[in-house]
Structure formats: structure tokens, C-alpha cells
């Protein structure tokens, strides 16, 4: 459970009153924890997974994009929500996406997913299809670059979801002035001031910002 900006009791109540992860997602979360140790924090939370599936079902994208796949939890959730569309995943790690590939097969969604390995600032630059739905959860220092590549390719009315935008609540605390927090504040300001989009930030897990192309 991730309870970075809500109290633990409220976060637990929310989790307990949301559709829970199924055995496959529980297995993937457990394997990720075993294989990656502390890096398992990079995996989205269970309630975020349910949210991603529901949003995907509501948007009904023909083209969905994920930047930052890790071991595949979020991509399984998005792919499960597709109804005839395709998910294009961009990541740099062959090791961790090999886990994702296994779980795409186990989940029966492998035929809906295309994986491109390499730095996404380069590989996404060659992606020419209009995007209906995107999820960004990658290296934070490159968020502005990823954001521009994704928003410029979003169709009108398309939706981008950006993870970790509250940085454990530190973005709202002037006492935190480390480089990573400053970068996230700058990114959040950039998104807020972008005239091409409307924005809402949700206190889900570590902060999830929804960006809709006008």
C-alpha cells in the first residue's frame, strides 16, 4: 500500500473499498518485490491499477502509450481495459520488461501490446500515430521531454496520466528543496501553465495528474 500524501488509515479504507487486484496482479507484485527489492516502489499501487483499467475502459482508446513499463503491472492493467485498441510500451530495460512480457502472456493480453526498447526521448520521437490515452511513469528528470512528446501527439480530447507528481507530498513543503523535488515542482508548474491542456491532480498513491488535450 502506498500512503504518501494521505494518512495510512484513509489510504487503507480507500484500498479496502476499491476493486482489489486479482491473483495474477498479486503474483506480479510479489515477484517484483522479490526481484527488485527497494526498487519495487516504482510499481504502481493496487488502487492505481484498478483506476488505470477503469479509465482505459472509459476512454476506449484505439492507441494507448505507456512510457516506463518496469515489470508490467500498469501495462497489464491498461491492456485489460482495451476494447480493440493497442498499447505501445516504451522502456529501456530488457531485464525488467522480460518480466512484463511473461505477465502479458499470463494475462492473455500479449496480442494487444507492442514493446519498444531504448531511450523513450528517441524512440517516442519516431512514433507517428495520434495517441488517445497515455501513461507516464519513467525517470523524472526527463518528464518535461516526455510530456512534450506525448502532448504533441495526443488527439484533441486525449488523456495523459502522469505518476508521482506529489513526490510524497514534498512538492508542497517549502522545507524540501532537493533537486528532485525542485524538478517535480517545475514540471507541475509547466503542466499547469500549458494552454493546450486542462489539468487535475489527484492525491492517489504518490500523486497522479490527469492532463486532457483541449
Protein backbone atom coordinates (compact mmCIF):
# COMPACT_ATOMS: atom_id res chain seq x y z
CA UNK A 1 0.00 0.00 0.00
CA UNK A 2 1.30 3.47 -0.88
CA UNK A 3 0.18 6.11 1.63
CA UNK A 4 2.44 9.06 0.86
CA UNK A 5 0.02 12.00 0.91
CA UNK A 6 -2.97 10.52 2.75
CA UNK A 7 -2.99 9.08 6.24
CA UNK A 8 -2.42 5.35 6.35
CA UNK A 9 -5.93 4.74 7.68
CA UNK A 10 -7.58 6.70 4.87
CA UNK A 11 -5.40 5.02 2.26
CA UNK A 12 -6.30 1.60 3.68
CA UNK A 13 -10.01 2.48 3.70
CA UNK A 14 -9.81 3.57 0.04
CA UNK A 15 -7.99 0.37 -0.88
CA UNK A 16 -10.48 -1.76 1.02
CA UNK A 17 -13.40 -0.13 -0.82
CA UNK A 18 -11.95 -0.43 -4.31
CA UNK A 19 -11.95 -3.46 -6.60
CA UNK A 20 -8.95 -5.50 -5.39
CA UNK A 21 -6.17 -6.87 -7.59
CA UNK A 22 -6.75 -10.38 -8.88
CA UNK A 23 -4.36 -13.30 -8.21
CA UNK A 24 -2.27 -12.57 -11.30
CA UNK A 25 -1.58 -8.98 -10.25
CA UNK A 26 -0.83 -10.12 -6.70
CA UNK A 27 1.64 -12.64 -8.13
CA UNK A 28 3.27 -9.97 -10.28
CA UNK A 29 3.57 -7.59 -7.31
CA UNK A 30 5.13 -10.32 -5.19
CA UNK A 31 7.61 -11.30 -7.89
CA UNK A 32 8.53 -7.67 -8.46
CA UNK A 33 9.25 -7.24 -4.74
CA UNK A 34 11.36 -10.39 -4.70
CA UNK A 35 13.36 -9.50 -7.81
CA UNK A 36 13.83 -5.76 -7.36
CA UNK A 37 13.89 -5.16 -3.60
CA UNK A 38 13.51 -1.49 -2.76
CA UNK A 39 13.02 -0.68 -6.44
CA UNK A 40 9.61 -2.36 -6.20
CA UNK A 41 8.40 1.09 -5.09
CA UNK A 42 8.48 2.01 -8.78
CA UNK A 43 5.49 -0.26 -9.32
CA UNK A 44 2.09 1.43 -9.18
CA UNK A 45 -0.25 0.73 -6.30
CA UNK A 46 -3.21 -1.65 -6.46
CA UNK A 47 -5.79 1.14 -6.44
CA UNK A 48 -3.90 2.89 -9.24
CA UNK A 49 -4.08 -0.33 -11.24
CA UNK A 50 -7.84 -0.50 -10.83
CA UNK A 51 -8.03 3.18 -11.79
CA UNK A 52 -5.95 2.65 -14.94
CA UNK A 53 -8.18 -0.20 -16.11
CA UNK A 54 -11.34 1.82 -15.48
CA UNK A 55 -10.02 4.95 -17.23
CA UNK A 56 -8.94 2.85 -20.20
CA UNK A 57 -12.43 1.34 -20.40
CA UNK A 58 -13.98 4.82 -20.26
CA UNK A 59 -11.69 6.40 -22.86
CA UNK A 60 -11.83 3.33 -25.15
CA UNK A 61 -8.53 4.23 -26.86
CA UNK A 62 -7.51 2.92 -30.24
CA UNK A 63 -3.90 3.91 -29.47
CA UNK A 64 -2.58 3.86 -25.89
CA UNK A 65 1.02 4.62 -24.91
CA UNK A 66 2.98 3.86 -21.76
CA UNK A 67 6.37 5.41 -21.02
CA UNK A 68 8.04 3.42 -18.25
CA UNK A 69 6.89 -0.20 -18.13
CA UNK A 70 9.14 -1.73 -15.43
CA UNK A 71 7.83 -5.26 -14.68
CA UNK A 72 4.46 -4.71 -16.29
CA UNK A 73 1.83 -4.09 -13.60
CA UNK A 74 0.48 -0.87 -15.13
CA UNK A 75 0.65 -2.22 -18.68
CA UNK A 76 -1.39 -5.30 -17.71
CA UNK A 77 -3.99 -3.01 -16.16
CA UNK A 78 -4.18 -0.75 -19.22
CA UNK A 79 -4.19 -3.64 -21.70
CA UNK A 80 -7.03 -5.31 -19.82
CA UNK A 81 -9.13 -2.19 -20.30
CA UNK A 82 -8.66 -2.10 -24.07
CA UNK A 83 -11.53 -3.00 -26.38
CA UNK A 84 -9.90 -3.42 -29.77
CA UNK A 85 -7.12 -0.88 -29.23
CA UNK A 86 -3.38 -1.37 -28.82
CA UNK A 87 -0.91 -0.45 -26.09
CA UNK A 88 2.55 0.74 -27.13
CA UNK A 89 5.10 0.44 -24.28
CA UNK A 90 8.40 2.32 -24.21
CA UNK A 91 11.16 1.33 -21.77
CA UNK A 92 14.95 0.98 -21.59
CA UNK A 93 15.26 -2.21 -19.52
CA UNK A 94 15.30 -5.54 -21.30
CA UNK A 95 15.66 -7.28 -17.91
CA UNK A 96 12.55 -5.87 -16.25
CA UNK A 97 10.37 -5.84 -19.36
CA UNK A 98 11.14 -9.56 -19.76
CA UNK A 99 9.06 -9.99 -16.58
CA UNK A 100 6.36 -7.81 -18.12
CA UNK A 101 6.31 -9.97 -21.25
CA UNK A 102 5.69 -13.10 -19.18
CA UNK A 103 2.78 -11.49 -17.39
CA UNK A 104 1.27 -10.13 -20.61
CA UNK A 105 1.16 -13.74 -21.75
CA UNK A 106 -0.27 -14.96 -18.44
CA UNK A 107 -2.92 -12.22 -18.52
CA UNK A 108 -3.86 -13.04 -22.12
CA UNK A 109 -3.09 -9.51 -23.35
CA UNK A 110 0.21 -10.04 -25.18
CA UNK A 111 -1.50 -9.68 -28.54
CA UNK A 112 -2.56 -6.13 -27.55
CA UNK A 113 0.89 -4.87 -26.55
CA UNK A 114 3.89 -3.65 -28.55
CA UNK A 115 7.15 -3.06 -26.65
CA UNK A 116 9.87 -0.73 -27.91
CA UNK A 117 13.21 -0.83 -26.08
CA UNK A 118 15.50 2.18 -25.96
CA UNK A 119 15.56 5.74 -24.59
CA UNK A 120 11.99 6.98 -24.99
CA UNK A 121 13.12 10.51 -25.84
CA UNK A 122 14.47 8.93 -29.03
CA UNK A 123 12.07 6.07 -29.72
CA UNK A 124 8.90 8.01 -28.94
CA UNK A 125 10.11 10.73 -31.25
CA UNK A 126 9.56 8.36 -34.16
CA UNK A 127 6.04 7.39 -33.08
CA UNK A 128 3.66 8.82 -35.63
CA UNK A 129 0.18 7.69 -34.53
CA UNK A 130 -2.26 10.06 -32.80
CA UNK A 131 -2.49 9.00 -29.14
CA UNK A 132 -5.82 8.60 -27.35
CA UNK A 133 -4.51 7.65 -23.90
CA UNK A 134 -1.04 7.80 -22.34
CA UNK A 135 0.53 6.90 -19.00
CA UNK A 136 3.88 8.39 -17.95
CA UNK A 137 5.85 6.77 -15.12
CA UNK A 138 9.52 6.94 -16.03
CA UNK A 139 12.71 8.77 -14.99
CA UNK A 140 11.60 12.09 -13.51
CA UNK A 141 14.40 14.27 -14.87
CA UNK A 142 13.09 13.65 -18.38
CA UNK A 143 9.42 14.27 -17.57
CA UNK A 144 9.33 17.61 -19.45
CA UNK A 145 10.71 15.97 -22.60
CA UNK A 146 8.34 13.00 -22.38
CA UNK A 147 5.46 15.35 -21.67
CA UNK A 148 6.07 17.40 -24.79
CA UNK A 149 6.41 14.32 -26.99
CA UNK A 150 3.18 12.86 -25.60
CA UNK A 151 1.04 16.01 -25.55
CA UNK A 152 2.08 16.95 -29.08
CA UNK A 153 0.84 13.53 -30.22
CA UNK A 154 -2.37 13.43 -28.18
CA UNK A 155 -5.55 13.79 -30.21
CA UNK A 156 -7.97 16.52 -29.21
CA UNK A 157 -9.72 15.21 -26.10
CA UNK A 158 -6.96 12.67 -25.49
CA UNK A 159 -5.81 11.96 -21.94
CA UNK A 160 -2.33 11.76 -20.41
CA UNK A 161 -1.85 10.40 -16.87
CA UNK A 162 1.40 11.31 -15.08
CA UNK A 163 2.53 9.43 -11.96
CA UNK A 164 4.49 10.58 -8.88
CA UNK A 165 3.65 14.26 -9.26
CA UNK A 166 3.33 14.87 -5.50
CA UNK A 167 6.66 13.29 -4.63
CA UNK A 168 5.43 12.00 -1.25
CA UNK A 169 3.91 15.43 -0.61
CA UNK A 170 7.31 17.10 -0.66
CA UNK A 171 6.37 19.39 -3.56
CA UNK A 172 4.02 21.24 -1.18
CA UNK A 173 6.61 21.60 1.58
CA UNK A 174 8.98 24.59 1.17
CA UNK A 175 11.37 22.83 3.54
CA UNK A 176 12.15 20.28 0.83
CA UNK A 177 14.45 21.92 -1.69
CA UNK A 178 16.42 18.94 -3.03
CA UNK A 179 16.97 18.73 -6.76
CA UNK A 180 14.43 16.02 -7.47
CA UNK A 181 11.65 17.86 -5.62
CA UNK A 182 12.53 21.11 -7.38
CA UNK A 183 12.36 19.34 -10.75
CA UNK A 184 8.90 17.98 -9.99
CA UNK A 185 7.66 21.40 -8.86
CA UNK A 186 8.94 22.87 -12.13
CA UNK A 187 7.24 20.10 -14.09
CA UNK A 188 3.93 20.60 -12.28
CA UNK A 189 4.13 24.34 -12.98
CA UNK A 190 4.89 23.66 -16.65
CA UNK A 191 1.79 21.48 -16.96
CA UNK A 192 -0.43 23.97 -15.13
CA UNK A 193 0.64 26.79 -17.46
CA UNK A 194 0.28 24.81 -20.71
CA UNK A 195 -2.59 26.43 -22.69
CA UNK A 196 -3.08 23.24 -24.72
CA UNK A 197 -4.49 21.25 -21.82
CA UNK A 198 -6.76 21.14 -18.79
CA UNK A 199 -5.35 19.54 -15.66
CA UNK A 200 -6.42 17.94 -12.39
CA UNK A 201 -4.05 16.48 -9.82
CA UNK A 202 -5.30 13.55 -7.75
CA UNK A 203 -3.87 12.51 -4.34
CA UNK A 204 -3.80 8.89 -5.46
CA UNK A 205 -0.74 6.96 -4.21
CA UNK A 206 2.17 9.38 -4.88
CA UNK A 207 0.09 11.81 -6.91
CA UNK A 208 -1.48 11.18 -10.32
CA UNK A 209 -2.04 14.12 -12.67
CA UNK A 210 -4.66 13.87 -15.41
CA UNK A 211 -3.95 16.02 -18.47
CA UNK A 212 -6.62 16.40 -21.17
CA UNK A 213 -5.72 17.84 -24.58
CA UNK A 214 -8.05 20.71 -25.47
